[in-house]
Amino acid sequence: MAALGKVAALSTLLRPVVAVALACTLSGCRLGLDVALDVARDGSGRLAVALAADAAANQRAAAAGADPLALVADAGERLAGQGWETRDQTAADGSREVELSVEAADAVTLSAQAAELAEALAAPEARPLEPLRVTLTEDRVEVAGAAGLVPGEAVAEYGLSGEQAVALLAERDALDYRVTVTLPADVLSSSADRVEGSTLTWDIAPGEQVAISATGVRPQFPWLLVAAGAVAALLLASAAAALVRRARRRRPSGTLRPWAGD
């Protein structure tokens, strides 16, 4: 029941963000949306969503009374008791970024949190994220899902068709949307646009629905190193004990006093 309550809270708090962000970009604002998933070898990891805007967009949104970054920051405050952390930074040039993040202890929990986030971001205007699923095998880590910026029927409320909304967003370069996945080791295969080390990035353009797919090496726990360390510690302890015993054998048992006579 607690998990269901958490889904409801996250969905209620974040769902307006997509609608407000889309309205903002269609009216001339430029925003950045980032979703990041970091996966460790045991399936634990971190999930984050961030929304950014330059100074002009912040001023325009505040004047219109429809600030998507304020919605994200408010959601972060309300979710603080459920494990979510908020990072809210305003730069010297007036640009601002608000990030919400949460830690997960295993692959099942991390996948569930990604599904919650995807549902929370879904809106009649667009569904930017499909659930990201993390799967572990003995020697592989796999992430699969989807992301997109395909307008829904609700954009008609702005007097636009889906095609017109896509053209307007693309023409103004109004929304910079990225999904990044970081794997615990080498990448074996992926559908990413860019790969830097073990970090993969997908750039989502207006009108696109993109498959998120990544497979990487799952590092094995270094049992040999642990065993070698234990053996080395045992040898050092044995050597130290031998030195102590040898020193005790060499130490004189006592000193004889010279006889002074009667």
C-alpha atoms as a PDB file:
ATOM      1  CA  MET A   1       0.000   0.000   0.000  1.00  0.00           C
ATOM      2  CA  ALA A   2       2.872   2.359   0.708  1.00  0.00           C
ATOM      3  CA  ALA A   3       4.238   1.817  -2.791  1.00  0.00           C
ATOM      4  CA  LEU A   4       0.856   2.655  -4.339  1.00  0.00           C
ATOM      5  CA  GLY A   5       0.708   5.830  -2.304  1.00  0.00           C
ATOM      6  CA  LYS A   6       4.134   6.782  -3.528  1.00  0.00           C
ATOM      7  CA  VAL A   7       3.126   6.278  -7.173  1.00  0.00           C
ATOM      8  CA  ALA A   8       0.044   8.425  -6.682  1.00  0.00           C
ATOM      9  CA  ALA A   9       2.055  11.214  -5.061  1.00  0.00           C
ATOM     10  CA  LEU A  10       4.746  11.206  -7.742  1.00  0.00           C
ATOM     11  CA  SER A  11       2.202  11.140 -10.566  1.00  0.00           C
ATOM     12  CA  THR A  12       0.068  13.878  -9.024  1.00  0.00           C
ATOM     13  CA  LEU A  13       3.046  16.142  -8.471  1.00  0.00           C
ATOM     14  CA  LEU A  14       4.925  15.707 -11.760  1.00  0.00           C
ATOM     15  CA  ARG A  15       2.152  15.146 -14.312  1.00  0.00           C
ATOM     16  CA  PRO A  16       1.455  18.891 -14.785  1.00  0.00           C
ATOM     17  CA  VAL A  17       5.131  19.500 -15.582  1.00  0.00           C
ATOM     18  CA  VAL A  18       4.968  18.148 -19.162  1.00  0.00           C
ATOM     19  CA  ALA A  19       1.857  20.150 -20.017  1.00  0.00           C
ATOM     20  CA  VAL A  20       3.271  23.378 -18.577  1.00  0.00           C
ATOM     21  CA  ALA A  21       6.684  22.791 -20.184  1.00  0.00           C
ATOM     22  CA  LEU A  22       5.079  22.187 -23.579  1.00  0.00           C
ATOM     23  CA  ALA A  23       2.962  25.320 -23.260  1.00  0.00           C
ATOM     24  CA  CYS A  24       6.071  27.259 -22.265  1.00  0.00           C
ATOM     25  CA  THR A  25       8.132  26.041 -25.240  1.00  0.00           C
ATOM     26  CA  LEU A  26       5.308  26.663 -27.706  1.00  0.00           C
ATOM     27  CA  SER A  27       5.108  30.234 -26.454  1.00  0.00           C
ATOM     28  CA  GLY A  28       8.822  30.851 -27.013  1.00  0.00           C
ATOM     29  CA  CYS A  29      10.641  29.443 -23.963  1.00  0.00           C
ATOM     30  CA  ARG A  30      13.605  27.101 -24.339  1.00  0.00           C
ATOM     31  CA  LEU A  31      13.865  24.243 -21.865  1.00  0.00           C
ATOM     32  CA  GLY A  32      16.131  21.268 -21.226  1.00  0.00           C
ATOM     33  CA  LEU A  33      14.822  17.918 -19.975  1.00  0.00           C
ATOM     34  CA  ASP A  34      17.205  15.197 -18.812  1.00  0.00           C
ATOM     35  CA  VAL A  35      16.476  11.708 -17.523  1.00  0.00           C
ATOM     36  CA  ALA A  36      19.458   9.795 -16.136  1.00  0.00           C
ATOM     37  CA  LEU A  37      19.771   6.207 -14.953  1.00  0.00           C
ATOM     38  CA  ASP A  38      22.968   4.932 -13.290  1.00  0.00           C
ATOM     39  CA  VAL A  39      23.229   1.177 -12.727  1.00  0.00           C
ATOM     40  CA  ALA A  40      25.754  -0.624 -10.503  1.00  0.00           C
ATOM     41  CA  ARG A  41      26.917  -4.241 -10.898  1.00  0.00           C
ATOM     42  CA  ASP A  42      24.406  -5.512  -8.325  1.00  0.00           C
ATOM     43  CA  GLY A  43      21.455  -3.695  -9.932  1.00  0.00           C
ATOM     44  CA  SER A  44      21.371  -0.897  -7.412  1.00  0.00           C
ATOM     45  CA  GLY A  45      21.542   2.602  -8.795  1.00  0.00           C
ATOM     46  CA  ARG A  46      20.264   6.138  -9.111  1.00  0.00           C
ATOM     47  CA  LEU A  47      17.406   7.622 -11.139  1.00  0.00           C
ATOM     48  CA  ALA A  48      17.178  11.354 -11.829  1.00  0.00           C
ATOM     49  CA  VAL A  49      15.036  13.781 -13.803  1.00  0.00           C
ATOM     50  CA  ALA A  50      16.092  17.398 -14.344  1.00  0.00           C
ATOM     51  CA  LEU A  51      14.463  20.408 -15.974  1.00  0.00           C
ATOM     52  CA  ALA A  52      16.513  23.455 -16.970  1.00  0.00           C
ATOM     53  CA  ALA A  53      15.728  26.881 -18.392  1.00  0.00           C
ATOM     54  CA  ASP A  54      17.720  29.966 -19.348  1.00  0.00           C
ATOM     55  CA  ALA A  55      17.096  33.370 -17.780  1.00  0.00           C
ATOM     56  CA  ALA A  56      14.697  34.532 -20.505  1.00  0.00           C
ATOM     57  CA  ALA A  57      12.582  31.404 -20.162  1.00  0.00           C
ATOM     58  CA  ASN A  58      12.480  31.760 -16.380  1.00  0.00           C
ATOM     59  CA  GLN A  59      11.310  35.362 -16.639  1.00  0.00           C
ATOM     60  CA  ARG A  60       8.696  34.577 -19.272  1.00  0.00           C
ATOM     61  CA  ALA A  61       7.351  31.591 -17.338  1.00  0.00           C
ATOM     62  CA  ALA A  62       7.205  33.541 -14.071  1.00  0.00           C
ATOM     63  CA  ALA A  63       5.354  36.410 -15.756  1.00  0.00           C
ATOM     64  CA  ALA A  64       2.845  33.969 -17.233  1.00  0.00           C
ATOM     65  CA  GLY A  65       2.335  32.278 -13.869  1.00  0.00           C
ATOM     66  CA  ALA A  66       3.168  28.876 -15.382  1.00  0.00           C
ATOM     67  CA  ASP A  67       6.676  27.913 -14.302  1.00  0.00           C
ATOM     68  CA  PRO A  68       7.463  24.208 -14.865  1.00  0.00           C
ATOM     69  CA  LEU A  69      10.680  24.434 -12.815  1.00  0.00           C
ATOM     70  CA  ALA A  70       8.717  25.690  -9.835  1.00  0.00           C
ATOM     71  CA  LEU A  71       6.443  22.660 -10.187  1.00  0.00           C
ATOM     72  CA  VAL A  72       9.439  20.316 -10.136  1.00  0.00           C
ATOM     73  CA  ALA A  73      10.950  22.058  -7.100  1.00  0.00           C
ATOM     74  CA  ASP A  74       7.620  21.861  -5.274  1.00  0.00           C
ATOM     75  CA  ALA A  75       7.353  18.166  -6.122  1.00  0.00           C
ATOM     76  CA  GLY A  76      10.830  17.614  -4.693  1.00  0.00           C
ATOM     77  CA  GLU A  77       9.890  19.224  -1.390  1.00  0.00           C
ATOM     78  CA  ARG A  78       6.779  17.067  -1.093  1.00  0.00           C
ATOM     79  CA  LEU A  79       8.674  13.878  -1.971  1.00  0.00           C
ATOM     80  CA  ALA A  80      11.595  14.482   0.404  1.00  0.00           C
ATOM     81  CA  GLY A  81      10.175  12.058   2.949  1.00  0.00           C
ATOM     82  CA  GLN A  82       9.984   9.263   0.340  1.00  0.00           C
ATOM     83  CA  GLY A  83      13.679   9.104  -0.486  1.00  0.00           C
ATOM     84  CA  TRP A  84      13.769  11.714  -3.263  1.00  0.00           C
ATOM     85  CA  GLU A  85      16.415  14.428  -3.165  1.00  0.00           C
ATOM     86  CA  THR A  86      16.208  17.849  -4.817  1.00  0.00           C
ATOM     87  CA  ARG A  87      19.017  19.902  -6.319  1.00  0.00           C
ATOM     88  CA  ASP A  88      17.929  23.439  -7.261  1.00  0.00           C
ATOM     89  CA  GLN A  89      20.652  25.628  -8.762  1.00  0.00           C
ATOM     90  CA  THR A  90      20.491  29.106 -10.271  1.00  0.00           C
ATOM     91  CA  ALA A  91      23.593  30.251 -12.147  1.00  0.00           C
ATOM     92  CA  ALA A  92      25.032  33.756 -12.323  1.00  0.00           C
ATOM     93  CA  ASP A  93      23.516  34.240 -15.789  1.00  0.00           C
ATOM     94  CA  GLY A  94      20.013  33.583 -14.440  1.00  0.00           C
ATOM     95  CA  SER A  95      19.656  30.069 -15.808  1.00  0.00           C
ATOM     96  CA  ARG A  96      18.173  27.499 -13.448  1.00  0.00           C
ATOM     97  CA  GLU A  97      18.122  23.721 -13.162  1.00  0.00           C
ATOM     98  CA  VAL A  98      16.017  21.631 -10.802  1.00  0.00           C
ATOM     99  CA  GLU A  99      16.823  17.926 -10.428  1.00  0.00           C
ATOM    100  CA  LEU A 100      14.962  15.210  -8.556  1.00  0.00           C
ATOM    101  CA  SER A 101      16.821  11.968  -7.806  1.00  0.00           C
ATOM    102  CA  VAL A 102      16.285   8.754  -5.887  1.00  0.00           C
ATOM    103  CA  GLU A 103      18.500   5.804  -4.943  1.00  0.00           C
ATOM    104  CA  ALA A 104      17.527   2.147  -5.359  1.00  0.00           C
ATOM    105  CA  ALA A 105      18.972  -0.898  -3.593  1.00  0.00           C
ATOM    106  CA  ASP A 106      18.410  -3.440  -6.379  1.00  0.00           C
ATOM    107  CA  ALA A 107      17.328  -3.896 -10.004  1.00  0.00           C
ATOM    108  CA  VAL A 108      13.685  -4.594  -9.152  1.00  0.00           C
ATOM    109  CA  THR A 109      13.350  -1.406  -7.113  1.00  0.00           C
ATOM    110  CA  LEU A 110      15.243   0.657  -9.695  1.00  0.00           C
ATOM    111  CA  SER A 111      12.956  -0.607 -12.483  1.00  0.00           C
ATOM    112  CA  ALA A 112       9.879   0.113 -10.366  1.00  0.00           C
ATOM    113  CA  GLN A 113      11.051   3.660  -9.713  1.00  0.00           C
ATOM    114  CA  ALA A 114      11.697   4.201 -13.421  1.00  0.00           C
ATOM    115  CA  ALA A 115       8.171   2.961 -14.169  1.00  0.00           C
ATOM    116  CA  GLU A 116       6.779   5.375 -11.565  1.00  0.00           C
ATOM    117  CA  LEU A 117       8.681   8.258 -13.135  1.00  0.00           C
ATOM    118  CA  ALA A 118       7.483   7.369 -16.630  1.00  0.00           C
ATOM    119  CA  GLU A 119       3.875   7.316 -15.451  1.00  0.00           C
ATOM    120  CA  ALA A 120       4.351  10.559 -13.533  1.00  0.00           C
ATOM    121  CA  LEU A 121       5.645  12.365 -16.627  1.00  0.00           C
ATOM    122  CA  ALA A 122       2.847  11.071 -18.873  1.00  0.00           C
ATOM    123  CA  ALA A 123       0.379  13.767 -19.923  1.00  0.00           C
ATOM    124  CA  PRO A 124      -2.331  14.102 -22.592  1.00  0.00           C
ATOM    125  CA  GLU A 125       0.017  16.452 -24.471  1.00  0.00           C
ATOM    126  CA  ALA A 126       2.925  13.985 -24.623  1.00  0.00           C
ATOM    127  CA  ARG A 127       4.413  10.916 -22.981  1.00  0.00           C
ATOM    128  CA  PRO A 128       8.172  11.569 -22.922  1.00  0.00           C
ATOM    129  CA  LEU A 129       9.249   8.353 -21.200  1.00  0.00           C
ATOM    130  CA  GLU A 130       8.337   4.696 -21.200  1.00  0.00           C
ATOM    131  CA  PRO A 131       9.492   2.520 -18.262  1.00  0.00           C
ATOM    132  CA  LEU A 132      13.203   1.726 -18.228  1.00  0.00           C
ATOM    133  CA  ARG A 133      13.712  -1.888 -17.160  1.00  0.00           C
ATOM    134  CA  VAL A 134      16.961  -3.104 -15.612  1.00  0.00           C
ATOM    135  CA  THR A 135      17.764  -6.804 -16.045  1.00  0.00           C
ATOM    136  CA  LEU A 136      20.734  -8.710 -14.642  1.00  0.00           C
ATOM    137  CA  THR A 137      22.213 -11.971 -15.824  1.00  0.00           C
ATOM    138  CA  GLU A 138      25.347 -13.697 -14.564  1.00  0.00           C
ATOM    139  CA  ASP A 139      27.605 -11.623 -16.825  1.00  0.00           C
ATOM    140  CA  ARG A 140      25.366  -8.935 -18.379  1.00  0.00           C
ATOM    141  CA  VAL A 141      23.496  -5.774 -17.376  1.00  0.00           C
ATOM    142  CA  GLU A 142      20.650  -4.784 -19.693  1.00  0.00           C
ATOM    143  CA  VAL A 143      18.489  -1.658 -19.833  1.00  0.00           C
ATOM    144  CA  ALA A 144      15.457  -1.414 -22.118  1.00  0.00           C
ATOM    145  CA  GLY A 145      12.688   1.124 -22.568  1.00  0.00           C
ATOM    146  CA  ALA A 146      11.712   4.029 -24.789  1.00  0.00           C
ATOM    147  CA  ALA A 147      11.546   7.812 -24.897  1.00  0.00           C
ATOM    148  CA  GLY A 148       9.765  10.192 -27.213  1.00  0.00           C
ATOM    149  CA  LEU A 149       8.406  13.631 -27.983  1.00  0.00           C
ATOM    150  CA  VAL A 150       5.318  12.662 -29.950  1.00  0.00           C
ATOM    151  CA  PRO A 151       2.500  15.184 -29.330  1.00  0.00           C
ATOM    152  CA  GLY A 152      -0.827  13.816 -28.165  1.00  0.00           C
ATOM    153  CA  GLU A 153      -4.281  14.936 -29.178  1.00  0.00           C
ATOM    154  CA  ALA A 154      -4.348  17.482 -26.355  1.00  0.00           C
ATOM    155  CA  VAL A 155      -2.065  19.855 -28.320  1.00  0.00           C
ATOM    156  CA  ALA A 156      -5.228  20.786 -30.210  1.00  0.00           C
ATOM    157  CA  GLU A 157      -6.062  22.900 -27.167  1.00  0.00           C
ATOM    158  CA  TYR A 158      -3.194  25.165 -28.252  1.00  0.00           C
ATOM    159  CA  GLY A 159      -4.705  25.502 -31.719  1.00  0.00           C
ATOM    160  CA  LEU A 160      -2.138  23.166 -33.243  1.00  0.00           C
ATOM    161  CA  SER A 161      -2.130  19.782 -34.888  1.00  0.00           C
ATOM    162  CA  GLY A 162       0.511  17.268 -33.873  1.00  0.00           C
ATOM    163  CA  GLU A 163       2.497  18.002 -37.025  1.00  0.00           C
ATOM    164  CA  GLN A 164       2.362  21.744 -36.391  1.00  0.00           C
ATOM    165  CA  ALA A 165       3.506  21.296 -32.776  1.00  0.00           C
ATOM    166  CA  VAL A 166       6.466  19.183 -33.902  1.00  0.00           C
ATOM    167  CA  ALA A 167       7.422  21.709 -36.599  1.00  0.00           C
ATOM    168  CA  LEU A 168       7.200  24.606 -34.142  1.00  0.00           C
ATOM    169  CA  LEU A 169       9.319  22.878 -31.492  1.00  0.00           C
ATOM    170  CA  ALA A 170      11.924  21.889 -34.086  1.00  0.00           C
ATOM    171  CA  GLU A 171      12.002  25.339 -35.703  1.00  0.00           C
ATOM    172  CA  ARG A 172      12.530  27.125 -32.386  1.00  0.00           C
ATOM    173  CA  ASP A 173      14.829  24.430 -31.011  1.00  0.00           C
ATOM    174  CA  ALA A 174      12.661  24.882 -27.946  1.00  0.00           C
ATOM    175  CA  LEU A 175      13.162  21.610 -26.070  1.00  0.00           C
ATOM    176  CA  ASP A 176      16.471  19.824 -25.535  1.00  0.00           C
ATOM    177  CA  TYR A 177      15.594  16.340 -24.302  1.00  0.00           C
ATOM    178  CA  ARG A 178      18.211  13.719 -23.417  1.00  0.00           C
ATOM    179  CA  VAL A 179      18.199  10.311 -21.783  1.00  0.00           C
ATOM    180  CA  THR A 180      21.455   8.971 -20.355  1.00  0.00           C
ATOM    181  CA  VAL A 181      22.247   5.518 -19.016  1.00  0.00           C
ATOM    182  CA  THR A 182      25.475   4.677 -17.210  1.00  0.00           C
ATOM    183  CA  LEU A 183      26.417   1.007 -16.982  1.00  0.00           C
ATOM    184  CA  PRO A 184      28.859  -0.466 -14.436  1.00  0.00           C
ATOM    185  CA  ALA A 185      31.452  -1.540 -17.044  1.00  0.00           C
ATOM    186  CA  ASP A 186      32.106  -1.890 -20.788  1.00  0.00           C
ATOM    187  CA  VAL A 187      29.226  -1.392 -23.227  1.00  0.00           C
ATOM    188  CA  LEU A 188      28.628  -4.380 -25.495  1.00  0.00           C
ATOM    189  CA  SER A 189      25.750  -3.052 -27.611  1.00  0.00           C
ATOM    190  CA  SER A 190      23.274  -0.181 -27.608  1.00  0.00           C
ATOM    191  CA  SER A 191      20.930   1.990 -29.651  1.00  0.00           C
ATOM    192  CA  ALA A 192      22.457   5.178 -28.219  1.00  0.00           C
ATOM    193  CA  ASP A 193      23.401   8.227 -30.261  1.00  0.00           C
ATOM    194  CA  ARG A 194      26.628   8.627 -28.322  1.00  0.00           C
ATOM    195  CA  VAL A 195      28.770   6.403 -26.107  1.00  0.00           C
ATOM    196  CA  GLU A 196      31.465   7.820 -23.846  1.00  0.00           C
ATOM    197  CA  GLY A 197      33.075   5.137 -21.713  1.00  0.00           C
ATOM    198  CA  SER A 198      30.205   3.365 -19.995  1.00  0.00           C
ATOM    199  CA  THR A 199      27.759   6.295 -20.380  1.00  0.00           C
ATOM    200  CA  LEU A 200      25.235   6.220 -23.230  1.00  0.00           C
ATOM    201  CA  THR A 201      23.196   9.201 -24.447  1.00  0.00           C
ATOM    202  CA  TRP A 202      20.042   9.417 -26.541  1.00  0.00           C
ATOM    203  CA  ASP A 203      18.989  12.790 -27.991  1.00  0.00           C
ATOM    204  CA  ILE A 204      15.221  12.859 -28.425  1.00  0.00           C
ATOM    205  CA  ALA A 205      13.982  15.130 -31.210  1.00  0.00           C
ATOM    206  CA  PRO A 206      10.399  16.448 -31.496  1.00  0.00           C
ATOM    207  CA  GLY A 207       8.152  13.916 -33.206  1.00  0.00           C
ATOM    208  CA  GLU A 208      10.441  10.956 -32.470  1.00  0.00           C
ATOM    209  CA  GLN A 209       9.857   7.810 -30.440  1.00  0.00           C
ATOM    210  CA  VAL A 210      13.216   6.201 -29.666  1.00  0.00           C
ATOM    211  CA  ALA A 211      13.987   2.725 -28.334  1.00  0.00           C
ATOM    212  CA  ILE A 212      16.341   2.757 -25.349  1.00  0.00           C
ATOM    213  CA  SER A 213      18.470  -0.369 -25.427  1.00  0.00           C
ATOM    214  CA  ALA A 214      21.825  -1.007 -23.784  1.00  0.00           C
ATOM    215  CA  THR A 215      23.776  -4.114 -22.816  1.00  0.00           C
ATOM    216  CA  GLY A 216      26.998  -4.068 -20.859  1.00  0.00           C
ATOM    217  CA  VAL A 217      29.399  -6.300 -19.010  1.00  0.00           C
ATOM    218  CA  ARG A 218      28.444  -7.101 -15.449  1.00  0.00           C
ATOM    219  CA  PRO A 219      31.692  -7.062 -13.482  1.00  0.00           C
ATOM    220  CA  GLN A 220      32.205 -10.108 -11.336  1.00  0.00           C
ATOM    221  CA  PHE A 221      32.834  -9.710  -7.648  1.00  0.00           C
ATOM    222  CA  PRO A 222      36.635  -9.896  -7.159  1.00  0.00           C
ATOM    223  CA  TRP A 223      36.664 -13.068  -5.061  1.00  0.00           C
ATOM    224  CA  LEU A 224      40.239 -13.863  -6.092  1.00  0.00           C
ATOM    225  CA  LEU A 225      41.443 -10.476  -4.867  1.00  0.00           C
ATOM    226  CA  VAL A 226      39.569 -10.903  -1.605  1.00  0.00           C
ATOM    227  CA  ALA A 227      41.038 -14.395  -1.140  1.00  0.00           C
ATOM    228  CA  ALA A 228      44.520 -13.165  -2.022  1.00  0.00           C
ATOM    229  CA  GLY A 229      44.175 -10.355   0.499  1.00  0.00           C
ATOM    230  CA  ALA A 230      43.058 -12.785   3.179  1.00  0.00           C
ATOM    231  CA  VAL A 231      45.983 -15.106   2.459  1.00  0.00           C
ATOM    232  CA  ALA A 232      48.427 -12.184   2.522  1.00  0.00           C
ATOM    233  CA  ALA A 233      47.039 -11.014   5.861  1.00  0.00           C
ATOM    234  CA  LEU A 234      47.352 -14.526   7.280  1.00  0.00           C
ATOM    235  CA  LEU A 235      50.964 -14.803   6.092  1.00  0.00           C
ATOM    236  CA  LEU A 236      51.834 -11.432   7.599  1.00  0.00           C
ATOM    237  CA  ALA A 237      50.253 -12.436  10.893  1.00  0.00           C
ATOM    238  CA  SER A 238      52.160 -15.732  10.893  1.00  0.00           C
ATOM    239  CA  ALA A 239      55.431 -13.966  10.105  1.00  0.00           C
ATOM    240  CA  ALA A 240      54.871 -11.446  12.885  1.00  0.00           C
ATOM    241  CA  ALA A 241      54.125 -14.232  15.374  1.00  0.00           C
ATOM    242  CA  ALA A 242      57.297 -16.084  14.328  1.00  0.00           C
ATOM    243  CA  LEU A 243      59.416 -12.959  14.847  1.00  0.00           C
ATOM    244  CA  VAL A 244      57.944 -12.464  18.316  1.00  0.00           C
ATOM    245  CA  ARG A 245      58.706 -16.072  19.293  1.00  0.00           C
ATOM    246  CA  ARG A 246      62.250 -15.807  17.960  1.00  0.00           C
ATOM    247  CA  ALA A 247      62.877 -12.593  19.885  1.00  0.00           C
ATOM    248  CA  ARG A 248      61.654 -14.195  23.092  1.00  0.00           C
ATOM    249  CA  ARG A 249      64.015 -17.179  22.641  1.00  0.00           C
ATOM    250  CA  ARG A 250      67.014 -14.906  22.168  1.00  0.00           C
ATOM    251  CA  ARG A 251      66.242 -12.713  25.195  1.00  0.00           C
ATOM    252  CA  PRO A 252      68.480 -13.666  28.251  1.00  0.00           C
ATOM    253  CA  SER A 253      66.510 -15.191  31.114  1.00  0.00           C
ATOM    254  CA  GLY A 254      68.387 -13.177  33.754  1.00  0.00           C
ATOM    255  CA  THR A 255      71.758 -11.799  34.928  1.00  0.00           C
ATOM    256  CA  LEU A 256      73.930 -13.575  37.529  1.00  0.00           C
ATOM    257  CA  ARG A 257      75.274 -11.432  40.367  1.00  0.00           C
ATOM    258  CA  PRO A 258      79.046 -11.845  41.183  1.00  0.00           C
ATOM    259  CA  TRP A 259      79.666 -13.540  44.539  1.00  0.00           C
ATOM    260  CA  ALA A 260      81.035 -11.043  47.025  1.00  0.00           C
ATOM    261  CA  GLY A 261      82.173 -13.590  49.646  1.00  0.00           C
ATOM    262  CA  ASP A 262      81.715 -13.421  53.444  1.00  0.00           C
END
